[in-house]
N, C-alpha and C. Protein backbone atom coordinates (compact mmCIF):
# COMPACT_ATOMS: atom_id res chain seq x y z
N UNK A 1 0.72 -22.17 3.85
CA UNK A 1 -0.13 -20.93 3.86
C UNK A 1 -0.89 -21.02 2.20
N UNK A 2 0.09 -21.30 1.50
CA UNK A 2 -0.21 -21.50 0.06
C UNK A 2 -0.41 -23.00 -0.38
N UNK A 3 -1.54 -23.43 -1.15
CA UNK A 3 -1.75 -24.90 -1.13
C UNK A 3 -2.10 -25.31 -2.46
N UNK A 4 -2.01 -26.41 -2.98
CA UNK A 4 -2.14 -26.62 -4.23
C UNK A 4 -4.04 -27.21 -4.23
N UNK A 5 -4.35 -27.06 -5.16
CA UNK A 5 -5.56 -28.09 -5.43
C UNK A 5 -5.91 -29.10 -4.55
N UNK A 6 -4.56 -30.09 -4.18
CA UNK A 6 -4.83 -31.44 -3.52
C UNK A 6 -4.67 -31.11 -2.28
N UNK A 7 -4.21 -29.91 -1.74
CA UNK A 7 -4.16 -29.65 -0.42
C UNK A 7 -2.65 -29.91 -0.03
N UNK A 8 -1.35 -29.50 -1.13
CA UNK A 8 -0.29 -29.81 -0.88
C UNK A 8 0.35 -28.43 -0.76
N UNK A 9 1.28 -28.28 -0.16
CA UNK A 9 2.25 -26.81 0.05
C UNK A 9 2.98 -26.73 -1.16
N UNK A 10 2.61 -25.41 -1.56
CA UNK A 10 3.22 -24.88 -3.04
C UNK A 10 4.71 -24.37 -2.32
N UNK A 11 5.77 -25.16 -3.68
CA UNK A 11 6.81 -24.49 -3.42
C UNK A 11 7.14 -23.40 -3.37
N UNK A 12 8.43 -22.46 -3.11
CA UNK A 12 9.09 -21.36 -2.91
C UNK A 12 8.63 -21.04 -4.99
N UNK A 13 9.75 -21.82 -5.43
CA UNK A 13 9.64 -21.88 -6.87
C UNK A 13 8.03 -21.75 -7.52
N UNK A 14 7.06 -22.42 -7.13
CA UNK A 14 5.87 -22.62 -7.78
C UNK A 14 5.23 -20.90 -7.38
N UNK A 15 5.40 -20.62 -6.12
CA UNK A 15 4.87 -19.58 -5.75
C UNK A 15 5.43 -18.34 -6.75
N UNK A 16 6.97 -18.36 -7.07
CA UNK A 16 7.62 -17.37 -7.77
C UNK A 16 7.00 -17.36 -9.06
N UNK A 17 6.51 -18.74 -9.98
CA UNK A 17 6.34 -18.82 -11.26
C UNK A 17 4.98 -18.42 -11.23
N UNK A 18 4.07 -18.32 -10.43
CA UNK A 18 2.89 -18.15 -10.31
C UNK A 18 2.45 -16.48 -10.35
N UNK A 19 3.50 -15.92 -9.52
CA UNK A 19 3.57 -14.35 -9.50
C UNK A 19 3.86 -13.73 -10.54
N UNK A 20 5.12 -14.61 -10.97
CA UNK A 20 5.39 -14.06 -12.61
C UNK A 20 4.27 -13.67 -13.49
N UNK A 21 3.66 -15.35 -13.45
CA UNK A 21 2.49 -14.67 -14.27
C UNK A 21 1.39 -13.90 -14.19
N UNK A 22 1.23 -13.81 -13.06
CA UNK A 22 0.13 -12.35 -12.53
C UNK A 22 0.47 -10.96 -12.89
N UNK A 23 1.78 -10.70 -12.64
CA UNK A 23 2.61 -9.68 -12.76
C UNK A 23 2.34 -9.06 -14.32
N UNK A 24 2.63 -10.30 -15.22
CA UNK A 24 2.46 -9.90 -16.45
C UNK A 24 1.13 -9.39 -16.84
N UNK A 25 0.36 -10.18 -16.34
CA UNK A 25 -1.04 -9.67 -16.63
C UNK A 25 -1.59 -8.19 -16.16
N UNK A 26 -0.93 -8.17 -14.67
CA UNK A 26 -1.27 -6.86 -14.31
C UNK A 26 -0.20 -5.48 -14.61
N UNK A 27 0.53 -5.92 -15.72
CA UNK A 27 1.12 -4.81 -16.34
C UNK A 27 2.43 -4.68 -15.38
N UNK A 28 3.07 -5.22 -14.41
CA UNK A 28 4.03 -5.27 -13.17
C UNK A 28 5.26 -5.79 -13.91
N UNK A 29 6.42 -4.89 -14.03
CA UNK A 29 7.76 -5.48 -14.25
C UNK A 29 8.18 -6.77 -13.46
N UNK A 30 8.29 -8.14 -14.17
CA UNK A 30 8.88 -9.17 -13.53
C UNK A 30 10.04 -9.39 -12.76
N UNK A 31 10.58 -8.14 -12.70
CA UNK A 31 12.08 -7.89 -12.47
C UNK A 31 11.88 -7.30 -10.91
N UNK A 32 10.64 -6.79 -10.50
CA UNK A 32 10.16 -6.16 -9.54
C UNK A 32 9.47 -7.30 -8.61
N UNK A 33 9.31 -8.70 -8.96
CA UNK A 33 8.22 -9.31 -8.02
C UNK A 33 9.02 -10.64 -7.84
N UNK A 34 8.78 -10.80 -6.24
CA UNK A 34 9.63 -11.96 -5.77
C UNK A 34 8.51 -12.37 -4.39
N UNK A 35 8.91 -13.65 -3.96
CA UNK A 35 8.21 -14.17 -3.37
C UNK A 35 8.11 -13.54 -2.04
N UNK A 36 9.54 -12.95 -1.48
CA UNK A 36 9.79 -11.98 -0.03
C UNK A 36 8.78 -11.21 -0.11
N UNK A 37 8.58 -10.32 -1.16
CA UNK A 37 7.65 -9.04 -1.44
C UNK A 37 6.43 -9.61 -0.50
N UNK A 38 5.76 -10.56 -0.79
CA UNK A 38 4.58 -10.94 -0.26
C UNK A 38 4.71 -10.58 1.69
N UNK A 39 6.01 -11.21 2.18
CA UNK A 39 6.38 -11.08 3.53
C UNK A 39 6.31 -9.41 3.70
N UNK A 40 6.68 -8.74 2.79
CA UNK A 40 6.57 -7.01 3.22
C UNK A 40 5.46 -6.74 3.21
N UNK A 41 4.38 -7.16 2.08
CA UNK A 41 3.08 -7.01 2.00
C UNK A 41 2.43 -7.11 3.25
N UNK A 42 2.61 -8.09 3.99
CA UNK A 42 1.97 -8.70 5.09
C UNK A 42 2.17 -7.95 6.04
N UNK A 43 3.74 -7.44 6.33
CA UNK A 43 4.02 -6.75 7.63
C UNK A 43 3.66 -5.42 7.27
N UNK A 44 3.62 -4.53 6.37
CA UNK A 44 2.85 -3.39 6.31
C UNK A 44 1.54 -3.59 6.32
N UNK A 45 0.81 -4.38 6.09
CA UNK A 45 -0.71 -4.55 6.63
C UNK A 45 -0.87 -4.59 7.72
N UNK A 46 -0.25 -5.98 8.24
CA UNK A 46 -0.53 -6.10 9.90
C UNK A 46 0.07 -4.88 10.63
N UNK A 47 0.85 -3.92 9.95
CA UNK A 47 1.36 -3.03 11.01
C UNK A 47 0.45 -1.90 10.95
N UNK A 48 -0.22 -1.52 9.75
CA UNK A 48 -1.18 -0.57 9.58
C UNK A 48 -2.65 -1.00 10.21
N UNK A 49 -2.57 -2.14 10.45
CA UNK A 49 -3.94 -2.80 11.44
C UNK A 49 -3.68 -2.83 13.02
N UNK A 50 -2.55 -2.73 13.44
CA UNK A 50 -2.11 -2.80 15.02
C UNK A 50 -1.38 -1.84 15.62
N UNK A 51 -0.90 -1.31 14.40
CA UNK A 51 0.25 -0.27 14.76
C UNK A 51 1.41 -0.53 15.75
N UNK A 52 1.69 -2.13 15.90
CA UNK A 52 2.46 -2.34 17.29
C UNK A 52 3.89 -3.13 16.62
N UNK A 53 4.95 -2.32 16.41
CA UNK A 53 6.19 -2.88 15.69
C UNK A 53 6.62 -4.02 16.58
N UNK A 54 6.53 -4.40 18.17
CA UNK A 54 6.67 -5.44 18.66
C UNK A 54 6.29 -6.40 18.35
N UNK A 55 4.75 -6.42 18.50
CA UNK A 55 3.93 -7.82 17.97
C UNK A 55 4.41 -7.95 16.81
N UNK A 56 4.50 -7.16 15.47
CA UNK A 56 4.88 -7.59 14.38
C UNK A 56 6.44 -8.30 14.15
N UNK A 57 7.12 -7.66 15.05
CA UNK A 57 8.68 -8.44 15.32
C UNK A 57 8.52 -10.02 15.51
N UNK A 58 7.61 -10.31 16.31
CA UNK A 58 7.24 -11.58 17.15
C UNK A 58 6.69 -12.68 15.82
N UNK A 59 5.61 -11.96 15.18
CA UNK A 59 4.98 -12.61 14.41
C UNK A 59 5.90 -12.74 13.36
N UNK A 60 7.11 -11.96 12.54
CA UNK A 60 7.90 -12.24 11.50
C UNK A 60 9.33 -13.09 12.14
N UNK A 61 9.30 -13.20 13.49
CA UNK A 61 10.41 -14.13 14.18
C UNK A 61 11.49 -13.15 14.32
N UNK A 62 11.23 -12.00 14.11
CA UNK A 62 12.71 -11.04 14.18
C UNK A 62 13.21 -10.82 15.77
N UNK A 63 14.29 -10.81 15.99
CA UNK A 63 14.95 -10.77 17.60
C UNK A 63 15.25 -9.03 17.57
N UNK A 64 15.02 -8.38 16.72
CA UNK A 64 15.50 -7.06 16.47
C UNK A 64 14.45 -5.90 15.79
N UNK A 65 13.99 -5.01 16.89
CA UNK A 65 12.85 -4.43 16.11
C UNK A 65 13.60 -3.61 14.84
N UNK A 66 14.91 -3.34 14.79
CA UNK A 66 15.64 -2.56 13.84
C UNK A 66 15.43 -3.60 12.54
N UNK A 67 15.53 -4.77 12.56
CA UNK A 67 15.13 -5.32 11.24
C UNK A 67 13.58 -5.61 10.77
N UNK A 68 12.73 -5.36 11.89
CA UNK A 68 11.16 -5.26 11.66
C UNK A 68 11.17 -3.88 10.80
N UNK A 69 11.80 -2.83 11.30
CA UNK A 69 11.24 -1.34 11.15
C UNK A 69 11.93 -1.22 9.26
N UNK A 70 12.74 -2.05 8.91
CA UNK A 70 13.11 -2.18 7.42
C UNK A 70 12.03 -2.51 6.52
N UNK A 71 10.91 -3.55 7.27
CA UNK A 71 9.77 -3.47 6.43
C UNK A 71 8.77 -2.67 6.23
N UNK A 72 8.90 -1.64 7.11
CA UNK A 72 8.11 -0.40 7.14
C UNK A 72 8.37 0.89 6.89
N UNK A 73 9.43 1.01 6.03
CA UNK A 73 10.08 2.11 5.62
C UNK A 73 9.29 2.61 4.56
N UNK A 74 8.89 3.82 4.94
CA UNK A 74 8.07 4.67 3.53
C UNK A 74 8.56 5.43 2.84
N UNK A 75 8.27 5.80 1.49
CA UNK A 75 9.07 6.72 0.58
C UNK A 75 8.62 7.87 1.00
N UNK A 76 9.25 8.69 0.09
CA UNK A 76 9.01 10.25 0.17
C UNK A 76 7.88 10.80 -0.05
N UNK A 77 7.01 10.11 -1.11
CA UNK A 77 5.89 10.34 -1.71
C UNK A 77 4.73 9.86 -0.57
N UNK A 78 5.00 8.94 0.28
CA UNK A 78 4.10 8.43 1.16
C UNK A 78 4.15 9.62 2.46
N UNK A 79 5.40 10.01 2.79
CA UNK A 79 5.35 11.25 3.54
C UNK A 79 5.03 12.32 3.46
N UNK A 80 4.73 12.64 2.19
CA UNK A 80 4.65 14.06 1.56
C UNK A 80 2.76 13.76 1.82
N UNK A 81 2.49 12.91 1.11
CA UNK A 81 1.03 12.55 1.30
C UNK A 81 0.49 12.81 2.92
N UNK A 82 1.47 11.93 4.22
CA UNK A 82 0.91 12.45 5.35
C UNK A 82 1.27 13.85 5.98
N UNK A 83 2.22 14.55 5.08
CA UNK A 83 2.05 15.88 5.77
C UNK A 83 1.10 16.65 5.13
N UNK A 84 0.60 16.37 4.17
CA UNK A 84 -0.49 17.20 3.43
C UNK A 84 -1.87 16.87 3.96
N UNK A 85 -1.94 15.59 4.39
CA UNK A 85 -3.23 15.46 5.41
C UNK A 85 -3.15 15.92 6.69
N UNK A 86 -2.00 16.39 6.95
CA UNK A 86 -2.13 17.27 8.14
C UNK A 86 -2.44 18.70 8.19
N UNK A 87 -2.45 19.26 6.88
CA UNK A 87 -3.18 20.74 6.31
C UNK A 87 -2.32 21.39 7.30
N UNK A 88 -1.27 21.52 7.15
CA UNK A 88 -0.71 22.56 8.27
C UNK A 88 0.05 23.70 7.33
N UNK A 89 0.37 23.38 6.23
CA UNK A 89 0.71 24.51 5.09
C UNK A 89 -0.78 24.40 3.96
N UNK A 90 -0.74 25.63 3.68
CA UNK A 90 -1.69 25.93 2.48
C UNK A 90 -1.06 26.07 1.35
């Protein structure tokens, strides 16, 4: 998925180093940045688009939907935003 200018695959170490340099420029703490975060970002984006957790599990290679659900856990702030959008309480 990630290729060098010469068309060769980047190693996990190369991706991590690139992510660390980008996070510094973006003001994100380097301790929060890992290549596996890209997998989580992909999972959340895929799920937002398809709303199909079973298909996401297949794409990620998970045999259990419980494992896939870990990638989709939302924060309290996200829950509050969704509740506020319902406009049930003024």
